[in-house]
Each structure stands twice: as structure tokens, then as C-alpha cells.
Amino acid sequence: MSITNTIIRNKKVAFYQGKLFKFHKINFSDVIHIHSNKEEQGSVIIFNNGLILKSEITLIKFSNILPAIFERVHKSSIININYVDNIDLKNRKIIMNDDTCIDFSRTYAPNLNKYFLVSFEKKKRKTKT
């Protein structure tokens, strides 16, 4: 679904579409992840019920209004940590409970330390003396 206008007030988001003025108020607990839209400037929001909304809001703007259950994991992705199913450390992938596979970068990997019992810090090698 393509959304043409977005309203942000008091850290709440509502979308309306064209002349229909069909409002979609976002319940952030239903959002699995948000990623940047490469074709158009803005983002794509994926919900747990299969709904997909496109918005002109950038990830940076979303970062400022999202609750603490969301974490930036890549320059093009924000995830809801409540929907993480698995983390593949070797391949730097996050598997969400909808089977979506999301890359995470070294830059944002430490953000995951807050939520999961994983460490992304490079281990220091012992030097022989």
C-alpha cells in the first residue's frame, strides 16, 4: 500500500491515502521492522498481520519517535526486538519471527548487546610472553 501523506503528532503516527483519507494509526507494538525504501525516498513498515505501508518518513525521523523496543541495526533497517527469533552472528543476520532475514552491520551491532546475551566486541588475543 502506498501512502502519500503522514501525520506525526506527539510521537504518534497516522497515515492517510490520497483522496480517500483512509487513516492508518500505527500501533508500534504491531510493527515487526522498518526499512528504507530504495526506489522512493522514505521507508517501508512491515506489520505482524502482513500489512505493508510505504511512507515518506525517513528512518532518521522514525528513530526519533519510536519507543525503546526498536533498535537501529543497519543504515537501512530498524527492528522491533520483541519479534527477533534468532541471530546469526557468523553471517551478521537477524531472523525475525516472520522469517524475514535482516542484515546487521558492525556499526550497529553493539546496540543488540542491550537486549541479547551476545557480545559483538572483538576478543583480544592473548600475547605470549
N, C-alpha and C. Protein backbone atom coordinates (compact mmCIF):
# COMPACT_ATOMS: atom_id res chain seq x y z
N MET A 1 0.85 -1.17 0.00
CA MET A 1 0.00 0.00 0.00
C MET A 1 0.89 1.23 0.00
N SER A 2 0.65 2.13 -0.89
CA SER A 2 1.44 3.34 -0.96
C SER A 2 0.73 4.47 -0.23
N ILE A 3 1.45 5.10 0.64
CA ILE A 3 0.89 6.18 1.44
C ILE A 3 1.46 7.49 0.96
N THR A 4 0.61 8.47 0.78
CA THR A 4 1.07 9.74 0.24
C THR A 4 1.32 10.78 1.33
N ASN A 5 0.65 10.67 2.44
CA ASN A 5 0.80 11.68 3.49
C ASN A 5 0.89 11.02 4.85
N THR A 6 1.72 11.59 5.69
CA THR A 6 1.92 11.06 7.03
C THR A 6 1.78 12.18 8.03
N ILE A 7 1.10 11.88 9.12
CA ILE A 7 0.93 12.86 10.19
C ILE A 7 1.68 12.35 11.41
N ILE A 8 2.53 13.19 11.98
CA ILE A 8 3.22 12.84 13.22
C ILE A 8 2.85 13.90 14.25
N ARG A 9 2.24 13.45 15.34
CA ARG A 9 1.90 14.35 16.45
C ARG A 9 2.13 13.62 17.75
N ASN A 10 2.80 14.27 18.66
CA ASN A 10 3.05 13.69 19.99
C ASN A 10 3.60 12.27 19.91
N LYS A 11 4.58 12.08 19.04
CA LYS A 11 5.23 10.79 18.85
C LYS A 11 4.26 9.69 18.42
N LYS A 12 3.14 10.06 17.79
CA LYS A 12 2.20 9.10 17.23
C LYS A 12 2.12 9.35 15.73
N VAL A 13 1.94 8.29 14.97
CA VAL A 13 1.94 8.39 13.51
C VAL A 13 0.62 7.90 12.97
N ALA A 14 0.08 8.63 12.00
CA ALA A 14 -1.11 8.20 11.27
C ALA A 14 -0.86 8.47 9.79
N PHE A 15 -1.35 7.60 8.94
CA PHE A 15 -1.19 7.74 7.50
C PHE A 15 -2.55 7.95 6.86
N TYR A 16 -2.57 8.74 5.81
CA TYR A 16 -3.78 8.77 5.00
C TYR A 16 -3.39 8.72 3.54
N GLN A 17 -4.30 8.17 2.76
CA GLN A 17 -4.01 7.83 1.38
C GLN A 17 -4.89 8.62 0.43
N GLY A 18 -4.25 9.43 -0.39
CA GLY A 18 -4.91 10.13 -1.47
C GLY A 18 -6.20 10.84 -1.08
N LYS A 19 -7.18 10.78 -1.97
CA LYS A 19 -8.45 11.45 -1.75
C LYS A 19 -9.37 10.67 -0.82
N LEU A 20 -9.01 9.42 -0.54
CA LEU A 20 -9.86 8.59 0.31
C LEU A 20 -9.75 8.95 1.79
N PHE A 21 -8.66 9.58 2.16
CA PHE A 21 -8.40 9.93 3.56
C PHE A 21 -8.62 8.74 4.49
N LYS A 22 -8.14 7.60 4.06
CA LYS A 22 -8.22 6.39 4.87
C LYS A 22 -7.06 6.41 5.87
N PHE A 23 -7.37 6.59 7.14
CA PHE A 23 -6.33 6.71 8.15
C PHE A 23 -5.88 5.36 8.64
N HIS A 24 -4.59 5.24 8.86
CA HIS A 24 -3.96 4.06 9.44
C HIS A 24 -3.15 4.52 10.63
N LYS A 25 -3.71 4.39 11.82
CA LYS A 25 -2.97 4.77 13.01
C LYS A 25 -2.06 3.59 13.38
N ILE A 26 -0.81 3.88 13.62
CA ILE A 26 0.15 2.82 13.89
C ILE A 26 0.16 2.46 15.36
N ASN A 27 0.00 1.18 15.64
CA ASN A 27 0.26 0.65 16.96
C ASN A 27 1.66 0.05 16.86
N PHE A 28 2.64 0.74 17.45
CA PHE A 28 4.03 0.34 17.26
C PHE A 28 4.33 -1.08 17.72
N SER A 29 3.55 -1.60 18.66
CA SER A 29 3.81 -2.98 19.11
C SER A 29 3.49 -4.00 18.01
N ASP A 30 2.75 -3.59 16.98
CA ASP A 30 2.43 -4.48 15.86
C ASP A 30 3.44 -4.40 14.72
N VAL A 31 4.40 -3.48 14.81
CA VAL A 31 5.41 -3.31 13.76
C VAL A 31 6.55 -4.28 14.00
N ILE A 32 6.89 -5.08 12.98
CA ILE A 32 8.00 -6.02 13.09
C ILE A 32 9.31 -5.32 12.76
N HIS A 33 9.34 -4.64 11.62
CA HIS A 33 10.54 -3.88 11.26
C HIS A 33 10.20 -2.80 10.25
N ILE A 34 11.13 -1.87 10.13
CA ILE A 34 11.01 -0.76 9.19
C ILE A 34 12.31 -0.71 8.40
N HIS A 35 12.21 -0.60 7.10
CA HIS A 35 13.43 -0.47 6.31
C HIS A 35 13.28 0.65 5.30
N SER A 36 14.42 1.15 4.84
CA SER A 36 14.38 2.26 3.89
C SER A 36 13.87 1.76 2.55
N ASN A 37 13.21 2.66 1.86
CA ASN A 37 12.66 2.37 0.54
C ASN A 37 13.65 2.86 -0.49
N LYS A 38 14.30 1.95 -1.19
CA LYS A 38 15.36 2.32 -2.14
C LYS A 38 14.81 2.99 -3.40
N GLU A 39 13.61 2.61 -3.83
CA GLU A 39 13.04 3.18 -5.05
C GLU A 39 12.56 4.62 -4.84
N GLU A 40 11.99 4.86 -3.68
CA GLU A 40 11.45 6.18 -3.37
C GLU A 40 12.08 6.62 -2.05
N GLN A 41 12.13 7.91 -1.85
CA GLN A 41 12.67 8.39 -0.58
C GLN A 41 11.64 8.13 0.50
N GLY A 42 12.04 7.48 1.57
CA GLY A 42 11.13 7.15 2.65
C GLY A 42 11.41 5.78 3.20
N SER A 43 10.36 5.12 3.68
CA SER A 43 10.54 3.83 4.33
C SER A 43 9.34 2.92 4.11
N VAL A 44 9.56 1.64 4.45
CA VAL A 44 8.52 0.62 4.34
C VAL A 44 8.34 0.04 5.73
N ILE A 45 7.10 -0.06 6.18
CA ILE A 45 6.78 -0.55 7.52
C ILE A 45 6.09 -1.90 7.38
N ILE A 46 6.65 -2.92 8.06
CA ILE A 46 6.11 -4.27 7.99
C ILE A 46 5.42 -4.59 9.32
N PHE A 47 4.16 -5.00 9.26
CA PHE A 47 3.37 -5.30 10.45
C PHE A 47 3.23 -6.80 10.66
N ASN A 48 2.89 -7.19 11.88
CA ASN A 48 2.75 -8.61 12.22
C ASN A 48 1.53 -9.26 11.57
N ASN A 49 0.60 -8.49 11.04
CA ASN A 49 -0.57 -9.07 10.37
C ASN A 49 -0.40 -9.13 8.86
N GLY A 50 0.82 -8.83 8.37
CA GLY A 50 1.09 -8.88 6.94
C GLY A 50 0.93 -7.56 6.22
N LEU A 51 0.37 -6.56 6.88
CA LEU A 51 0.19 -5.25 6.27
C LEU A 51 1.55 -4.61 6.01
N ILE A 52 1.69 -3.99 4.85
CA ILE A 52 2.91 -3.28 4.48
C ILE A 52 2.51 -1.87 4.09
N LEU A 53 3.11 -0.89 4.75
CA LEU A 53 2.84 0.51 4.43
C LEU A 53 4.10 1.19 3.96
N LYS A 54 3.98 2.03 2.94
CA LYS A 54 5.09 2.85 2.48
C LYS A 54 4.85 4.26 2.99
N SER A 55 5.93 4.88 3.43
CA SER A 55 5.83 6.22 3.99
C SER A 55 6.95 7.10 3.48
N GLU A 56 6.70 8.40 3.46
CA GLU A 56 7.76 9.33 3.09
C GLU A 56 8.66 9.67 4.27
N ILE A 57 8.34 9.15 5.45
CA ILE A 57 9.16 9.40 6.64
C ILE A 57 10.46 8.60 6.53
N THR A 58 11.57 9.25 6.78
CA THR A 58 12.87 8.57 6.71
C THR A 58 13.12 7.79 8.00
N LEU A 59 14.10 6.89 7.96
CA LEU A 59 14.45 6.12 9.15
C LEU A 59 14.96 7.03 10.27
N ILE A 60 15.63 8.09 9.92
CA ILE A 60 16.12 9.02 10.95
C ILE A 60 14.95 9.64 11.70
N LYS A 61 13.91 10.05 10.99
CA LYS A 61 12.73 10.61 11.66
C LYS A 61 12.01 9.55 12.49
N PHE A 62 11.92 8.34 11.95
CA PHE A 62 11.31 7.26 12.73
C PHE A 62 12.10 6.99 14.00
N SER A 63 13.42 7.03 13.92
CA SER A 63 14.26 6.78 15.09
C SER A 63 13.93 7.73 16.23
N ASN A 64 13.51 8.93 15.91
CA ASN A 64 13.20 9.93 16.93
C ASN A 64 11.84 9.73 17.59
N ILE A 65 10.95 8.96 16.97
CA ILE A 65 9.61 8.81 17.53
C ILE A 65 9.29 7.40 18.00
N LEU A 66 10.14 6.44 17.65
CA LEU A 66 9.85 5.05 18.01
C LEU A 66 10.12 4.78 19.49
N PRO A 67 9.34 3.90 20.10
CA PRO A 67 9.58 3.54 21.51
C PRO A 67 10.86 2.70 21.65
N ALA A 68 11.24 2.46 22.88
CA ALA A 68 12.51 1.80 23.19
C ALA A 68 12.61 0.36 22.70
N ILE A 69 11.51 -0.26 22.30
CA ILE A 69 11.58 -1.64 21.82
C ILE A 69 12.16 -1.74 20.40
N PHE A 70 12.44 -0.59 19.78
CA PHE A 70 13.00 -0.57 18.44
C PHE A 70 14.48 -0.23 18.50
N GLU A 71 15.24 -0.86 17.61
CA GLU A 71 16.67 -0.61 17.57
C GLU A 71 17.15 -0.57 16.13
N ARG A 72 17.99 0.40 15.85
CA ARG A 72 18.62 0.50 14.53
C ARG A 72 19.70 -0.56 14.46
N VAL A 73 19.69 -1.38 13.42
CA VAL A 73 20.66 -2.46 13.29
C VAL A 73 21.49 -2.35 12.00
N HIS A 74 21.08 -1.45 11.13
CA HIS A 74 21.76 -1.25 9.86
C HIS A 74 21.37 0.13 9.37
N LYS A 75 22.13 0.68 8.44
CA LYS A 75 21.77 2.01 7.94
C LYS A 75 20.41 2.00 7.24
N SER A 76 19.95 0.81 6.86
CA SER A 76 18.67 0.72 6.16
C SER A 76 17.60 -0.03 6.93
N SER A 77 17.83 -0.36 8.22
CA SER A 77 16.85 -1.16 8.96
C SER A 77 16.73 -0.80 10.43
N ILE A 78 15.48 -0.81 10.89
CA ILE A 78 15.15 -0.69 12.31
C ILE A 78 14.27 -1.90 12.64
N ILE A 79 14.55 -2.57 13.76
CA ILE A 79 13.76 -3.75 14.11
C ILE A 79 13.06 -3.56 15.45
N ASN A 80 11.96 -4.29 15.62
CA ASN A 80 11.30 -4.40 16.91
C ASN A 80 11.92 -5.62 17.58
N ILE A 81 12.63 -5.42 18.67
CA ILE A 81 13.37 -6.52 19.29
C ILE A 81 12.46 -7.62 19.81
N ASN A 82 11.19 -7.32 20.03
CA ASN A 82 10.25 -8.33 20.50
C ASN A 82 9.94 -9.38 19.44
N TYR A 83 10.27 -9.10 18.18
CA TYR A 83 9.98 -10.04 17.10
C TYR A 83 11.23 -10.75 16.59
N VAL A 84 12.36 -10.62 17.30
CA VAL A 84 13.58 -11.33 16.89
C VAL A 84 13.45 -12.80 17.26
N ASP A 85 13.70 -13.66 16.28
CA ASP A 85 13.63 -15.09 16.51
C ASP A 85 15.02 -15.67 16.74
N ASN A 86 16.00 -15.19 15.96
CA ASN A 86 17.34 -15.75 16.03
C ASN A 86 18.35 -14.73 15.51
N ILE A 87 19.59 -14.85 15.97
CA ILE A 87 20.66 -14.00 15.46
C ILE A 87 21.78 -14.90 14.97
N ASP A 88 22.15 -14.72 13.71
CA ASP A 88 23.25 -15.46 13.11
C ASP A 88 24.48 -14.57 13.18
N LEU A 89 25.32 -14.81 14.17
CA LEU A 89 26.49 -13.96 14.38
C LEU A 89 27.51 -14.07 13.25
N LYS A 90 27.69 -15.28 12.75
CA LYS A 90 28.70 -15.51 11.72
C LYS A 90 28.38 -14.71 10.45
N ASN A 91 27.14 -14.75 10.03
CA ASN A 91 26.73 -14.07 8.80
C ASN A 91 26.12 -12.70 9.03
N ARG A 92 26.08 -12.27 10.29
CA ARG A 92 25.51 -10.97 10.69
C ARG A 92 24.10 -10.78 10.14
N LYS A 93 23.24 -11.74 10.51
CA LYS A 93 21.83 -11.70 10.09
C LYS A 93 20.94 -11.83 11.31
N ILE A 94 19.83 -11.14 11.28
CA ILE A 94 18.80 -11.25 12.30
C ILE A 94 17.60 -11.90 11.62
N ILE A 95 17.13 -12.98 12.20
CA ILE A 95 15.95 -13.66 11.65
C ILE A 95 14.77 -13.26 12.52
N MET A 96 13.81 -12.63 11.88
CA MET A 96 12.62 -12.17 12.59
C MET A 96 11.61 -13.32 12.64
N ASN A 97 10.60 -13.21 13.50
CA ASN A 97 9.65 -14.32 13.63
C ASN A 97 8.72 -14.48 12.42
N ASP A 98 8.77 -13.55 11.48
CA ASP A 98 8.03 -13.72 10.22
C ASP A 98 8.94 -14.30 9.14
N ASP A 99 10.12 -14.82 9.55
CA ASP A 99 11.13 -15.42 8.68
C ASP A 99 11.87 -14.43 7.79
N THR A 100 11.69 -13.15 8.03
CA THR A 100 12.46 -12.14 7.32
C THR A 100 13.89 -12.17 7.86
N CYS A 101 14.84 -12.07 6.95
CA CYS A 101 16.26 -12.07 7.32
C CYS A 101 16.79 -10.65 7.12
N ILE A 102 17.28 -10.04 8.19
CA ILE A 102 17.74 -8.66 8.14
C ILE A 102 19.22 -8.60 8.49
N ASP A 103 19.99 -7.93 7.65
CA ASP A 103 21.41 -7.76 7.93
C ASP A 103 21.60 -6.79 9.08
N PHE A 104 22.65 -7.04 9.88
CA PHE A 104 23.07 -6.02 10.83
C PHE A 104 24.53 -5.71 10.59
N SER A 105 24.89 -4.47 10.77
CA SER A 105 26.25 -4.05 10.48
C SER A 105 27.09 -3.99 11.75
N ARG A 106 28.40 -3.97 11.56
CA ARG A 106 29.31 -3.86 12.71
C ARG A 106 29.07 -2.56 13.46
N THR A 107 28.71 -1.53 12.74
CA THR A 107 28.46 -0.23 13.38
C THR A 107 27.34 -0.31 14.39
N TYR A 108 26.25 -0.98 14.03
CA TYR A 108 25.07 -1.04 14.89
C TYR A 108 25.00 -2.29 15.75
N ALA A 109 25.90 -3.24 15.56
CA ALA A 109 25.88 -4.49 16.32
C ALA A 109 25.90 -4.29 17.83
N PRO A 110 26.68 -3.37 18.37
CA PRO A 110 26.66 -3.17 19.82
C PRO A 110 25.29 -2.78 20.38
N ASN A 111 24.41 -2.24 19.56
CA ASN A 111 23.05 -1.92 20.01
C ASN A 111 22.30 -3.17 20.46
N LEU A 112 22.64 -4.30 19.87
CA LEU A 112 21.96 -5.55 20.22
C LEU A 112 22.41 -6.11 21.56
N ASN A 113 23.59 -5.71 22.02
CA ASN A 113 24.11 -6.18 23.31
C ASN A 113 23.15 -5.87 24.45
N LYS A 114 22.41 -4.79 24.33
CA LYS A 114 21.49 -4.38 25.40
C LYS A 114 20.36 -5.39 25.62
N TYR A 115 20.03 -6.13 24.57
CA TYR A 115 18.84 -6.98 24.62
C TYR A 115 19.13 -8.47 24.65
N PHE A 116 20.27 -8.85 24.12
CA PHE A 116 20.54 -10.27 23.96
C PHE A 116 21.86 -10.64 24.60
N LEU A 117 21.98 -11.88 24.98
CA LEU A 117 23.20 -12.36 25.63
C LEU A 117 24.24 -12.72 24.58
N VAL A 118 24.60 -11.73 23.80
CA VAL A 118 25.63 -11.91 22.79
C VAL A 118 26.62 -10.77 22.93
N SER A 119 27.82 -11.01 22.53
CA SER A 119 28.82 -9.96 22.57
C SER A 119 29.40 -9.80 21.17
N PHE A 120 29.42 -8.59 20.71
CA PHE A 120 29.96 -8.29 19.39
C PHE A 120 31.32 -7.63 19.49
N GLU A 121 31.83 -7.57 20.70
CA GLU A 121 33.15 -6.98 20.90
C GLU A 121 34.20 -7.97 20.41
N LYS A 122 35.23 -7.45 19.77
CA LYS A 122 36.31 -8.33 19.33
C LYS A 122 37.10 -8.75 20.57
N LYS A 123 37.34 -10.03 20.65
CA LYS A 123 38.11 -10.53 21.76
C LYS A 123 39.59 -10.24 21.53
N LYS A 124 40.23 -9.81 22.59
CA LYS A 124 41.66 -9.53 22.49
C LYS A 124 42.41 -10.85 22.60
N ARG A 125 43.37 -11.01 21.75
CA ARG A 125 44.18 -12.22 21.75
C ARG A 125 45.23 -12.10 22.84
N LYS A 126 45.45 -13.21 23.47
CA LYS A 126 46.50 -13.24 24.50
C LYS A 126 47.85 -13.24 23.80
N THR A 127 48.73 -12.45 24.32
CA THR A 127 50.07 -12.42 23.78
C THR A 127 50.96 -13.36 24.57
N LYS A 128 51.80 -14.05 23.88
CA LYS A 128 52.71 -14.97 24.55
C LYS A 128 53.88 -14.20 25.14
N THR A 129 54.20 -14.53 26.34
CA THR A 129 55.34 -13.87 26.98
C THR A 129 56.39 -14.87 27.37
